[in-house]
């Protein structure tokens, strides 16, 4: 079966919604999802044999480009020695040491399999370490799909949250306070009301799951100061930004503060399922078997996945990050120029080499919180997306996602993107507001 439509119909009969992660269903843009069967360098190929310049990069891990020879060789060699042992391996320690070497506040690392597992464990650890129950998160920030993090904001800045998903008990959601991003007054108000019950604050180092929204200057440092003044911990979620925007993640771009815990994922697995939490030794050593906070996983530190992560991190040298920065700046500038030429009001949102776009006059100066993101003319994105896809460029299938370049995006790939932009920008310009 080599037709995308037929493949989706078959998937719908076997998998809820036809997908194993909701954004893949194209619910935000409409149309039939592309079923990808191979990838190389900056390109992906679908089941119909059509090649696309890829600006998703597996949501970040393909930082060196798809199927990089060094990563493939490392995975092949590791697989030949055994797929999984259910025991410790030397490579696990190597990956932990590499993370600790790059991110100075990280003194101990625990490997897990997914970003959701990493953030879930970090929160459990913060609660176990402090003996407190409440957690602060920010509207629009995504930290995986564990119950306590699928919380929607209440009616005020310091009120308890309500469930953001069916199946999440209200008492669990109520342990999370959801505050506006980049609003330190809201954070201070929450601590003034609930401070002795707050175990910690969790924040994306730079928001990248509602589109890209960078923290205000000094925001993350102020969070650390407020948390520590109140006996709470700061958890910085670098599952998406970690080792993607610099060799030390987004924290590496602003080392003015010291989080207590970090979570990592995506790039540290090079495309295979590896994630991690790490931080202060005294906090991390509350994890079993040393401490009372339990966490376990049969596939944690899987040798094949760890091999992919090590090869990816070792290949991501200064030249790679410089190339990513240049390429991201070039692509975002070309998209912006095309939209401007077509008369589409917009803003480019950046955080290091991650970028996205918001549409509309009301957001043309940029946005700094979730309310701003939601106020955009998001209906302009679907026609833009499909025009780019028709021209052979694979974009994130939602306006609320970051765009990713890789070290393999060369002049030829960039030329194909540029060639597609005028028609796509005109499609965005001619889009009609629904209803």
Protein backbone atom coordinates (compact mmCIF):
# COMPACT_ATOMS: atom_id res chain seq x y z
CA UNK A 1 0.00 0.00 0.00
CA UNK A 2 1.73 3.19 -1.19
CA UNK A 3 -1.03 5.81 -1.15
CA UNK A 4 -1.15 8.25 1.79
CA UNK A 5 -4.96 8.32 1.80
CA UNK A 6 -5.24 4.53 1.77
CA UNK A 7 -2.62 4.24 4.49
CA UNK A 8 -4.50 6.71 6.67
CA UNK A 9 -7.78 4.87 6.16
CA UNK A 10 -6.09 1.63 7.16
CA UNK A 11 -4.55 3.32 10.22
CA UNK A 12 -7.94 4.73 11.26
CA UNK A 13 -9.27 1.18 11.47
CA UNK A 14 -6.46 0.05 13.77
CA UNK A 15 -5.25 3.10 15.75
CA UNK A 16 -7.36 5.77 17.53
CA UNK A 17 -7.49 8.70 15.14
CA UNK A 18 -5.08 6.85 12.87
CA UNK A 19 -2.06 8.23 14.72
CA UNK A 20 0.09 7.53 17.76
CA UNK A 21 0.55 11.20 18.65
CA UNK A 22 -2.31 13.66 18.04
CA UNK A 23 -0.55 16.41 16.04
CA UNK A 24 0.24 13.86 13.33
CA UNK A 25 -3.46 13.66 12.45
CA UNK A 26 -3.33 17.11 10.77
CA UNK A 27 -6.25 18.27 12.91
CA UNK A 28 -4.90 21.84 12.94
CA UNK A 29 -4.32 22.08 9.19
CA UNK A 30 -6.74 19.59 7.67
CA UNK A 31 -6.06 17.16 4.89
CA UNK A 32 -4.44 13.74 4.79
CA UNK A 33 -1.31 13.11 6.86
CA UNK A 34 1.80 12.11 4.97
CA UNK A 35 3.15 8.68 5.86
CA UNK A 36 6.93 8.91 5.84
CA UNK A 37 9.02 5.91 4.92
CA UNK A 38 12.59 7.22 4.74
CA UNK A 39 14.78 10.23 5.42
CA UNK A 40 18.25 11.39 4.52
CA UNK A 41 20.04 14.60 5.41
CA UNK A 42 17.54 17.49 5.18
CA UNK A 43 14.93 15.44 3.29
CA UNK A 44 12.08 13.06 4.11
CA UNK A 45 10.23 10.83 1.65
CA UNK A 46 6.60 9.73 1.90
CA UNK A 47 4.96 6.44 0.97
CA UNK A 48 4.15 7.79 -2.49
CA UNK A 49 7.83 8.41 -3.16
CA UNK A 50 7.65 12.19 -2.85
CA UNK A 51 10.61 13.97 -1.30
CA UNK A 52 10.26 17.02 0.95
CA UNK A 53 12.72 19.44 2.50
CA UNK A 54 12.09 18.77 6.18
CA UNK A 55 11.61 21.51 8.75
CA UNK A 56 10.36 19.19 11.50
CA UNK A 57 13.50 17.08 12.07
CA UNK A 58 11.56 14.57 14.19
CA UNK A 59 10.70 17.55 16.44
CA UNK A 60 14.36 18.23 17.09
CA UNK A 61 16.45 15.05 17.41
CA UNK A 62 17.73 15.02 13.83
CA UNK A 63 20.07 17.89 14.63
CA UNK A 64 22.85 16.47 12.42
CA UNK A 65 20.40 15.61 9.63
CA UNK A 66 18.41 12.44 9.10
CA UNK A 67 20.27 9.10 9.04
CA UNK A 68 23.63 10.70 9.74
CA UNK A 69 26.30 8.08 8.95
CA UNK A 70 27.98 8.30 12.37
CA UNK A 71 24.69 7.85 14.19
CA UNK A 72 23.59 4.98 11.95
CA UNK A 73 26.94 3.25 12.44
CA UNK A 74 26.74 3.66 16.22
CA UNK A 75 23.21 2.24 16.30
CA UNK A 76 24.13 -0.66 14.02
CA UNK A 77 27.16 -1.56 16.11
CA UNK A 78 25.17 -1.38 19.35
CA UNK A 79 22.29 -3.44 17.94
CA UNK A 80 24.71 -6.14 16.84
CA UNK A 81 25.82 -6.50 20.48
CA UNK A 82 22.24 -6.83 21.77
CA UNK A 83 19.04 -4.78 21.76
CA UNK A 84 18.38 -4.66 25.50
CA UNK A 85 19.87 -6.26 28.58
CA UNK A 86 17.76 -5.10 31.52
CA UNK A 87 21.06 -4.31 33.22
CA UNK A 88 23.54 -1.45 33.48
CA UNK A 89 25.87 -0.71 30.58
CA UNK A 90 29.05 1.41 30.37
CA UNK A 91 27.49 3.69 27.74
CA UNK A 92 24.81 4.87 30.18
CA UNK A 93 27.48 6.43 32.34
CA UNK A 94 29.17 7.98 29.31
CA UNK A 95 25.92 9.71 28.31
CA UNK A 96 25.30 10.92 31.87
CA UNK A 97 28.86 12.27 32.09
CA UNK A 98 28.50 14.06 28.76
CA UNK A 99 25.32 15.77 29.93
CA UNK A 100 26.96 16.79 33.21
CA UNK A 101 30.01 18.10 31.36
CA UNK A 102 27.89 20.35 29.14
CA UNK A 103 25.39 21.65 31.72
CA UNK A 104 27.26 22.74 34.84
CA UNK A 105 24.36 22.71 37.37
CA UNK A 106 23.71 19.03 36.57
CA UNK A 107 25.62 16.90 39.06
CA UNK A 108 23.69 13.65 38.69
CA UNK A 109 21.60 12.22 35.82
CA UNK A 110 18.89 9.55 35.69
CA UNK A 111 18.10 8.19 32.22
CA UNK A 112 14.51 7.38 31.26
CA UNK A 113 12.76 6.72 27.95
CA UNK A 114 10.52 9.73 27.24
CA UNK A 115 10.21 13.41 28.03
CA UNK A 116 6.89 12.75 29.75
CA UNK A 117 8.61 10.26 32.04
CA UNK A 118 11.42 12.73 32.75
CA UNK A 119 9.11 15.59 33.76
CA UNK A 120 6.79 13.29 35.71
CA UNK A 121 9.76 11.99 37.69
CA UNK A 122 11.21 15.47 38.24
CA UNK A 123 7.92 16.63 39.74
CA UNK A 124 7.64 13.57 41.97
CA UNK A 125 11.22 14.19 43.07
CA UNK A 126 10.53 17.86 43.84
CA UNK A 127 7.55 16.86 45.96
CA UNK A 128 9.47 14.11 47.71
CA UNK A 129 12.43 16.38 48.42
CA UNK A 130 10.40 19.33 49.75
CA UNK A 131 7.54 17.43 51.37
CA UNK A 132 5.09 19.74 49.58
CA UNK A 133 2.34 19.00 47.07
CA UNK A 134 1.63 22.04 44.89
CA UNK A 135 3.30 22.79 41.56
CA UNK A 136 3.39 25.94 39.43
CA UNK A 137 3.35 25.65 35.65
CA UNK A 138 2.66 28.21 32.93
CA UNK A 139 -0.21 28.39 30.47
CA UNK A 140 0.83 27.11 27.07
CA UNK A 141 3.86 25.21 28.33
CA UNK A 142 3.85 21.50 27.60
CA UNK A 143 5.67 19.06 29.86
CA UNK A 144 4.31 15.76 28.66
CA UNK A 145 0.97 14.09 29.27
CA UNK A 146 1.16 12.93 32.88
CA UNK A 147 -2.01 13.72 34.85
CA UNK A 148 -0.77 16.63 36.92
CA UNK A 149 0.59 18.48 33.91
CA UNK A 150 -2.54 18.29 31.77
CA UNK A 151 -4.07 21.10 33.78
CA UNK A 152 -5.97 24.09 32.46
CA UNK A 153 -5.86 27.48 34.17
CA UNK A 154 -8.46 28.43 36.74
CA UNK A 155 -10.25 31.76 36.96
CA UNK A 156 -7.42 33.71 38.56
CA UNK A 157 -3.66 33.84 38.66
CA UNK A 158 -3.35 31.99 41.93
CA UNK A 159 -6.36 29.66 41.76
CA UNK A 160 -6.25 25.90 41.52
CA UNK A 161 -6.32 24.31 38.09
CA UNK A 162 -9.05 22.22 36.53
CA UNK A 163 -8.49 19.06 34.47
CA UNK A 164 -7.28 19.80 30.95
CA UNK A 165 -8.07 16.32 29.67
CA UNK A 166 -10.74 13.71 30.24
CA UNK A 167 -9.46 11.05 32.58
CA UNK A 168 -7.54 13.44 34.81
CA UNK A 169 -9.12 13.52 38.30
CA UNK A 170 -9.93 17.02 39.49
CA UNK A 171 -8.05 16.59 42.79
CA UNK A 172 -4.86 15.80 40.86
CA UNK A 173 -5.24 18.77 38.51
CA UNK A 174 -5.91 20.96 41.56
CA UNK A 175 -2.36 20.35 42.75
CA UNK A 176 -1.13 22.47 39.83
CA UNK A 177 -1.32 26.26 39.72
CA UNK A 178 -1.37 27.46 36.10
CA UNK A 179 -0.04 31.01 35.70
CA UNK A 180 0.45 33.36 32.73
CA UNK A 181 3.91 33.03 31.19
CA UNK A 182 6.38 35.90 31.62
CA UNK A 183 4.29 37.28 34.50
CA UNK A 184 6.44 37.50 37.64
CA UNK A 185 3.72 39.32 39.56
CA UNK A 186 1.49 36.26 39.11
CA UNK A 187 4.28 34.04 40.43
CA UNK A 188 4.78 36.25 43.47
CA UNK A 189 1.02 36.29 44.11
CA UNK A 190 0.89 32.50 43.97
CA UNK A 191 3.71 32.21 46.50
CA UNK A 192 2.14 34.85 48.72
CA UNK A 193 -1.02 32.74 48.93
CA UNK A 194 0.34 29.21 48.79
CA UNK A 195 4.11 29.51 49.30
CA UNK A 196 4.59 26.97 52.08
CA UNK A 197 2.73 24.35 50.00
CA UNK A 198 4.56 24.84 46.67
CA UNK A 199 7.12 22.14 45.91
CA UNK A 200 8.41 23.78 42.78
CA UNK A 201 8.03 25.67 39.55
CA UNK A 202 8.30 23.88 36.20
CA UNK A 203 8.97 25.97 33.11
CA UNK A 204 10.12 25.36 29.57
CA UNK A 205 13.50 27.08 29.34
CA UNK A 206 11.99 28.81 26.32
CA UNK A 207 8.43 28.00 25.37
CA UNK A 208 8.35 25.97 22.16
CA UNK A 209 5.08 24.05 22.32
CA UNK A 210 2.77 27.01 21.69
CA UNK A 211 4.96 28.18 18.90
CA UNK A 212 8.18 29.74 20.10
CA UNK A 213 7.92 32.29 22.90
CA UNK A 214 11.17 33.22 24.58
CA UNK A 215 11.30 34.20 28.26
CA UNK A 216 11.59 37.88 29.06
CA UNK A 217 15.12 38.93 29.96
CA UNK A 218 15.76 37.79 33.52
CA UNK A 219 12.51 35.81 33.81
CA UNK A 220 14.08 32.40 34.40
CA UNK A 221 16.59 33.87 36.84
CA UNK A 222 13.77 35.55 38.76
CA UNK A 223 11.90 32.24 38.94
CA UNK A 224 14.95 30.63 40.53
CA UNK A 225 15.24 33.49 43.02
CA UNK A 226 11.56 33.36 44.01
CA UNK A 227 11.51 29.57 44.29
CA UNK A 228 14.64 29.40 46.41
CA UNK A 229 13.49 32.23 48.68
CA UNK A 230 10.42 30.15 49.45
CA UNK A 231 12.09 26.77 49.91
CA UNK A 232 10.88 25.50 46.53
CA UNK A 233 12.71 24.02 43.56
CA UNK A 234 12.98 25.25 39.97
CA UNK A 235 12.60 22.57 37.28
CA UNK A 236 13.70 23.72 33.83
CA UNK A 237 12.27 21.64 31.00
CA UNK A 238 14.82 21.37 28.19
CA UNK A 239 13.28 18.31 26.55
CA UNK A 240 12.94 20.31 23.34
CA UNK A 241 15.62 23.00 23.66
CA UNK A 242 18.28 20.90 25.37
CA UNK A 243 21.43 20.53 23.22
CA UNK A 244 19.39 21.91 20.29
CA UNK A 245 19.96 25.67 20.62
CA UNK A 246 23.49 25.37 22.01
CA UNK A 247 25.85 22.73 23.33
CA UNK A 248 24.36 23.44 26.79
CA UNK A 249 20.78 24.01 25.65
CA UNK A 250 18.88 27.21 26.31
CA UNK A 251 20.44 27.45 29.75
CA UNK A 252 23.75 27.73 27.90
CA UNK A 253 22.57 30.99 26.34
CA UNK A 254 21.83 32.51 29.75
CA UNK A 255 23.86 31.07 32.62
CA UNK A 256 22.80 33.74 35.12
CA UNK A 257 20.74 31.34 37.23
CA UNK A 258 20.94 27.83 38.64
CA UNK A 259 17.97 25.49 38.30
CA UNK A 260 17.64 22.63 40.76
CA UNK A 261 16.49 20.12 38.16
CA UNK A 262 16.54 19.86 34.38
CA UNK A 263 14.69 17.53 32.07
CA UNK A 264 16.14 16.52 28.70
CA UNK A 265 14.96 14.50 25.71
CA UNK A 266 14.86 14.41 21.92
CA UNK A 267 18.44 15.39 20.94
CA UNK A 268 20.00 13.23 23.66
CA UNK A 269 18.48 10.19 21.93
CA UNK A 270 19.37 11.19 18.39
CA UNK A 271 15.94 9.99 17.23
CA UNK A 272 15.59 7.01 19.55
CA UNK A 273 13.70 6.98 22.89
CA UNK A 274 16.02 8.47 25.49
CA UNK A 275 15.25 11.21 28.00
CA UNK A 276 16.75 12.25 31.31
CA UNK A 277 16.37 14.29 34.43
CA UNK A 278 19.35 15.75 36.16
CA UNK A 279 20.36 18.33 38.71
CA UNK A 280 21.72 18.91 42.19
CA UNK A 281 23.28 15.83 43.73
CA UNK A 282 21.44 16.22 47.04
CA UNK A 283 18.09 16.39 45.23
CA UNK A 284 18.82 13.63 42.72
CA UNK A 285 19.98 11.27 45.46
CA UNK A 286 16.45 11.24 46.83
CA UNK A 287 15.72 8.87 43.94
CA UNK A 288 15.67 5.13 44.62
CA UNK A 289 17.77 3.17 45.35
CA UNK A 290 19.44 5.88 47.46
CA UNK A 291 16.30 7.68 48.54
CA UNK A 292 12.55 7.29 49.05
CA UNK A 293 11.35 8.62 45.65
CA UNK A 294 10.69 5.64 43.42
CA UNK A 295 11.33 5.51 39.69
CA UNK A 296 12.16 2.56 37.47
CA UNK A 297 12.09 1.51 33.83
CA UNK A 298 12.96 -1.71 32.02
CA UNK A 299 14.11 0.18 28.92
CA UNK A 300 15.76 3.11 30.72
CA UNK A 301 19.26 3.56 29.31
CA UNK A 302 18.55 1.20 26.41
CA UNK A 303 21.96 0.49 24.83
CA UNK A 304 20.90 1.11 21.22
CA UNK A 305 19.17 4.39 22.08
CA UNK A 306 22.09 5.53 24.23
CA UNK A 307 24.47 4.81 21.34
CA UNK A 308 22.40 7.07 19.07
CA UNK A 309 22.42 9.81 21.70
CA UNK A 310 26.15 9.66 22.28
CA UNK A 311 26.91 9.79 18.55
CA UNK A 312 24.54 12.73 18.09
CA UNK A 313 25.90 14.78 20.99
CA UNK A 314 29.51 14.08 20.03
CA UNK A 315 28.77 15.13 16.47
CA UNK A 316 27.08 18.36 17.54
CA UNK A 317 30.21 20.51 17.73
CA UNK A 318 30.61 24.28 17.53
CA UNK A 319 30.51 24.20 13.73
CA UNK A 320 27.14 22.42 13.83
CA UNK A 321 25.62 25.01 16.16
CA UNK A 322 26.99 27.86 14.07
CA UNK A 323 25.43 26.29 10.96
CA UNK A 324 22.09 25.83 12.73
CA UNK A 325 22.08 29.46 13.81
CA UNK A 326 22.88 30.72 10.30
CA UNK A 327 20.38 28.46 8.61
CA UNK A 328 17.57 29.20 11.05
CA UNK A 329 18.17 32.94 10.59
CA UNK A 330 18.16 32.55 6.81
CA UNK A 331 14.98 30.46 6.65
CA UNK A 332 13.03 32.65 9.07
CA UNK A 333 14.14 35.80 7.22
CA UNK A 334 13.07 34.38 3.85
CA UNK A 335 9.67 33.31 5.20
CA UNK A 336 9.16 36.72 6.79
CA UNK A 337 10.13 38.52 3.59
CA UNK A 338 7.70 36.45 1.54
CA UNK A 339 4.84 37.07 3.98
CA UNK A 340 5.61 40.79 4.01
CA UNK A 341 5.64 40.90 0.20
CA UNK A 342 2.23 39.22 0.17
CA UNK A 343 0.85 41.71 2.70
CA UNK A 344 0.51 39.24 5.58
CA UNK A 345 1.00 40.90 8.96
CA UNK A 346 3.08 38.60 11.16
CA UNK A 347 5.93 38.32 13.62
CA UNK A 348 8.87 35.95 13.75
CA UNK A 349 9.22 34.34 17.17
CA UNK A 350 12.71 33.09 18.05
CA UNK A 351 14.56 31.36 20.86
CA UNK A 352 18.08 30.60 19.79
CA UNK A 353 17.83 28.68 16.51
CA UNK A 354 14.20 27.71 17.11
CA UNK A 355 11.60 29.85 15.40
CA UNK A 356 7.92 30.06 14.49
CA UNK A 357 5.46 32.63 13.20
CA UNK A 358 2.34 34.36 14.49
CA UNK A 359 -0.14 35.94 12.07
CA UNK A 360 -2.20 39.12 12.27
CA UNK A 361 -1.94 42.85 12.91
CA UNK A 362 -2.64 42.40 16.61
CA UNK A 363 0.47 40.23 17.07
CA UNK A 364 2.78 41.89 14.55
CA UNK A 365 4.91 43.20 17.39
CA UNK A 366 5.40 39.67 18.72
CA UNK A 367 3.81 37.79 21.60
CA UNK A 368 5.09 36.90 25.06
CA UNK A 369 2.41 34.63 26.53
CA UNK A 370 -0.20 32.03 25.63
CA UNK A 371 -3.03 34.54 25.41
CA UNK A 372 -1.05 36.42 22.79
CA UNK A 373 -0.43 33.24 20.82
CA UNK A 374 -4.14 32.36 20.87
CA UNK A 375 -5.11 35.85 19.67
CA UNK A 376 -3.37 35.45 16.31
CA UNK A 377 -5.02 34.74 12.96
CA UNK A 378 -4.15 31.07 13.13
CA UNK A 379 -6.49 30.32 10.22
CA UNK A 380 -3.87 31.74 7.86
CA UNK A 381 -1.50 28.88 8.61
CA UNK A 382 -3.34 25.87 7.05
CA UNK A 383 -3.31 27.23 3.48
CA UNK A 384 0.31 28.31 3.94
CA UNK A 385 1.19 24.83 5.22
CA UNK A 386 -0.49 23.01 2.34
CA UNK A 387 1.01 25.27 -0.31
CA UNK A 388 4.48 24.58 1.09
CA UNK A 389 3.74 20.85 1.25
CA UNK A 390 2.51 20.85 -2.35
CA UNK A 391 5.82 22.49 -3.30
CA UNK A 392 7.83 19.82 -1.47
CA UNK A 393 8.51 21.41 1.94
CA UNK A 394 7.49 19.60 5.13
CA UNK A 395 6.41 22.05 7.85
CA UNK A 396 5.08 21.37 11.36
CA UNK A 397 1.36 20.54 10.94
CA UNK A 398 0.28 23.19 13.44
CA UNK A 399 0.90 26.89 13.89
CA UNK A 400 1.53 26.11 17.57
CA UNK A 401 4.81 24.26 16.93
CA UNK A 402 8.44 25.25 16.52
CA UNK A 403 10.32 24.91 13.22
CA UNK A 404 13.63 23.03 13.10
CA UNK A 405 16.61 23.10 10.77
CA UNK A 406 19.49 20.64 10.77
CA UNK A 407 23.20 20.69 10.06
CA UNK A 408 22.39 19.01 6.72
CA UNK A 409 20.29 21.89 5.38
CA UNK A 410 22.50 23.22 2.61
CA UNK A 411 22.10 25.83 -0.14
CA UNK A 412 20.12 23.41 -2.31
CA UNK A 413 17.61 22.71 0.45
CA UNK A 414 17.33 26.41 1.24
CA UNK A 415 16.74 27.20 -2.46
CA UNK A 416 13.82 24.77 -2.55
CA UNK A 417 12.29 26.43 0.51
CA UNK A 418 12.69 29.90 -0.99
CA UNK A 419 11.17 28.79 -4.29
CA UNK A 420 8.05 27.57 -2.50
CA UNK A 421 7.46 30.68 -0.41
CA UNK A 422 5.78 33.21 -2.76
CA UNK A 423 2.80 30.97 -3.57
CA UNK A 424 2.46 29.87 0.06
CA UNK A 425 2.55 33.47 1.31
CA UNK A 426 -0.17 34.43 -1.20
CA UNK A 427 -2.25 31.50 0.07
CA UNK A 428 -1.91 32.85 3.61
CA UNK A 429 -2.84 36.33 2.41
CA UNK A 430 -6.00 35.10 0.67
CA UNK A 431 -7.14 32.92 3.58
CA UNK A 432 -10.62 33.63 4.92
CA UNK A 433 -11.50 33.61 8.60
CA UNK A 434 -13.71 30.59 9.34
CA UNK A 435 -17.36 31.25 10.13
